[in-house]
Amino acid sequence: MTAIAGISAITGVNSIGSLSGTSSIAGTSSVGGSNAVDGTAGGTQAPGDSFLNSLSDAFSQLNGQLTSADASVADFASGGSADLHTVMLQMEEASISLKAATDVQSKLLEAYQDIMRTQV
């Protein structure tokens, strides 16, 4: 339980949220529309901004899940109204999300290292 409390405050991602542009993980942009993948149609948004915004949104959702699970555990431990079933579901969802985030981080790091090893 203390491991979740230590992880629940992800602060290194807050600087990503200051970039301009809006996007969501759901991917509502279309290739031919104003949010084209190549960044040429309709905008002042840099091509990498939507990716960074999506990543920032994902980390914000992860932080929310971890915070919610931590609050549920604290409420359950103090004898509050939280039932064990709900607490365990929230903890498992947060755990799965955290594992997915670390897997994405590992893949991004591998991709970056592959790009840096590429000879020009």
Protein backbone atom coordinates (compact mmCIF):
# COMPACT_ATOMS: atom_id res chain seq x y z
CA MET A 1 0.00 0.00 0.00
CA THR A 2 2.86 2.39 0.64
CA ALA A 3 4.23 1.65 -2.84
CA ILE A 4 1.09 3.12 -4.40
CA ALA A 5 1.30 6.14 -2.12
CA GLY A 6 4.88 6.77 -3.25
CA ILE A 7 3.99 6.42 -6.92
CA SER A 8 0.75 8.39 -6.88
CA ALA A 9 2.45 11.76 -7.36
CA ILE A 10 3.91 11.78 -10.85
CA THR A 11 5.47 15.22 -11.13
CA GLY A 12 7.90 14.90 -14.03
CA VAL A 13 5.13 14.97 -16.62
CA ASN A 14 3.66 18.34 -15.64
CA SER A 15 6.11 20.19 -17.88
CA ILE A 16 4.75 18.35 -20.93
CA GLY A 17 1.31 19.84 -20.32
CA SER A 18 2.58 23.36 -20.99
CA LEU A 19 2.97 22.74 -24.73
CA SER A 20 0.44 24.24 -27.11
CA GLY A 21 -2.23 22.27 -28.93
CA THR A 22 -5.02 19.98 -27.88
CA SER A 23 -5.49 16.30 -28.45
CA SER A 24 -6.87 13.24 -26.74
CA ILE A 25 -5.86 9.63 -26.47
CA ALA A 26 -9.10 8.59 -28.14
CA GLY A 27 -7.64 9.82 -31.42
CA THR A 28 -10.50 11.89 -32.79
CA SER A 29 -8.38 13.54 -35.47
CA SER A 30 -8.76 12.56 -39.10
CA VAL A 31 -6.03 12.29 -41.70
CA GLY A 32 -7.76 14.60 -44.18
CA GLY A 33 -9.17 17.04 -41.64
CA SER A 34 -7.75 19.97 -39.78
CA ASN A 35 -5.68 17.75 -37.50
CA ALA A 36 -3.77 15.96 -40.23
CA VAL A 37 -0.99 13.61 -39.27
CA ASP A 38 1.67 15.51 -41.23
CA GLY A 39 0.79 18.81 -39.54
CA THR A 40 0.27 20.67 -42.85
CA ALA A 41 -3.48 21.19 -42.83
CA GLY A 42 -5.04 23.88 -40.75
CA GLY A 43 -2.59 24.61 -38.15
CA THR A 44 0.07 26.20 -36.18
CA GLN A 45 0.52 23.04 -34.16
CA ALA A 46 3.92 21.39 -34.45
CA PRO A 47 3.81 17.73 -35.54
CA GLY A 48 5.10 16.44 -32.19
CA ASP A 49 2.75 18.49 -30.02
CA SER A 50 -0.23 16.18 -30.39
CA PHE A 51 1.90 13.19 -29.36
CA LEU A 52 3.20 15.05 -26.32
CA ASN A 53 -0.30 16.16 -25.40
CA SER A 54 -1.57 12.60 -25.74
CA LEU A 55 1.26 11.36 -23.57
CA SER A 56 0.58 14.07 -21.01
CA ASP A 57 -3.13 13.18 -20.94
CA ALA A 58 -2.28 9.51 -20.45
CA PHE A 59 0.00 10.30 -17.52
CA SER A 60 -2.65 12.57 -16.02
CA GLN A 61 -5.18 9.74 -16.23
CA LEU A 62 -2.65 7.35 -14.67
CA ASN A 63 -1.97 9.81 -11.88
CA GLY A 64 -5.72 10.14 -11.29
CA GLN A 65 -6.13 6.37 -11.11
CA LEU A 66 -3.24 6.01 -8.67
CA THR A 67 -4.52 8.85 -6.50
CA SER A 68 -8.04 7.42 -6.49
CA ALA A 69 -6.78 3.95 -5.56
CA ASP A 70 -4.63 5.42 -2.79
CA ALA A 71 -7.60 7.38 -1.42
CA SER A 72 -9.78 4.24 -1.51
CA VAL A 73 -7.16 2.24 0.38
CA ALA A 74 -6.86 4.98 2.99
CA ASP A 75 -10.66 5.18 3.32
CA PHE A 76 -10.94 1.40 3.69
CA ALA A 77 -8.09 1.25 6.21
CA SER A 78 -9.66 3.97 8.35
CA GLY A 79 -12.98 2.12 8.45
CA GLY A 80 -14.74 4.40 6.00
CA SER A 81 -17.51 3.53 3.58
CA ALA A 82 -15.29 1.91 0.92
CA ASP A 83 -15.90 -1.79 0.46
CA LEU A 84 -13.10 -4.28 -0.18
CA HIS A 85 -14.35 -5.23 -3.65
CA THR A 86 -14.21 -1.63 -4.94
CA VAL A 87 -10.83 -1.00 -3.35
CA MET A 88 -9.33 -4.12 -4.92
CA LEU A 89 -10.77 -3.26 -8.35
CA GLN A 90 -9.34 0.26 -8.21
CA MET A 91 -5.95 -1.03 -7.08
CA GLU A 92 -5.86 -3.62 -9.89
CA GLU A 93 -6.86 -1.04 -12.52
CA ALA A 94 -4.14 1.31 -11.28
CA SER A 95 -1.61 -1.54 -11.28
CA ILE A 96 -2.45 -2.53 -14.86
CA SER A 97 -2.27 1.10 -15.99
CA LEU A 98 1.09 1.56 -14.29
CA LYS A 99 2.45 -1.59 -15.95
CA ALA A 100 1.21 -0.38 -19.34
CA ALA A 101 2.86 3.01 -18.75
CA THR A 102 6.19 1.40 -17.89
CA ASP A 103 5.91 -0.83 -20.99
CA VAL A 104 5.28 2.25 -23.15
CA GLN A 105 8.23 4.01 -21.52
CA SER A 106 10.48 1.03 -22.26
CA LYS A 107 9.38 0.92 -25.91
CA LEU A 108 9.89 4.68 -26.31
CA LEU A 109 13.35 4.42 -24.79
CA GLU A 110 14.23 1.51 -27.10
CA ALA A 111 13.00 3.48 -30.12
CA TYR A 112 15.04 6.52 -29.07
CA GLN A 113 18.15 4.39 -28.63
CA ASP A 114 17.63 2.80 -32.05
CA ILE A 115 17.33 6.22 -33.64
CA MET A 116 20.47 7.44 -31.89
CA ARG A 117 22.40 4.37 -33.11
CA THR A 118 21.34 4.95 -36.71
CA GLN A 119 24.29 6.07 -38.81
CA VAL A 120 23.66 8.93 -41.17
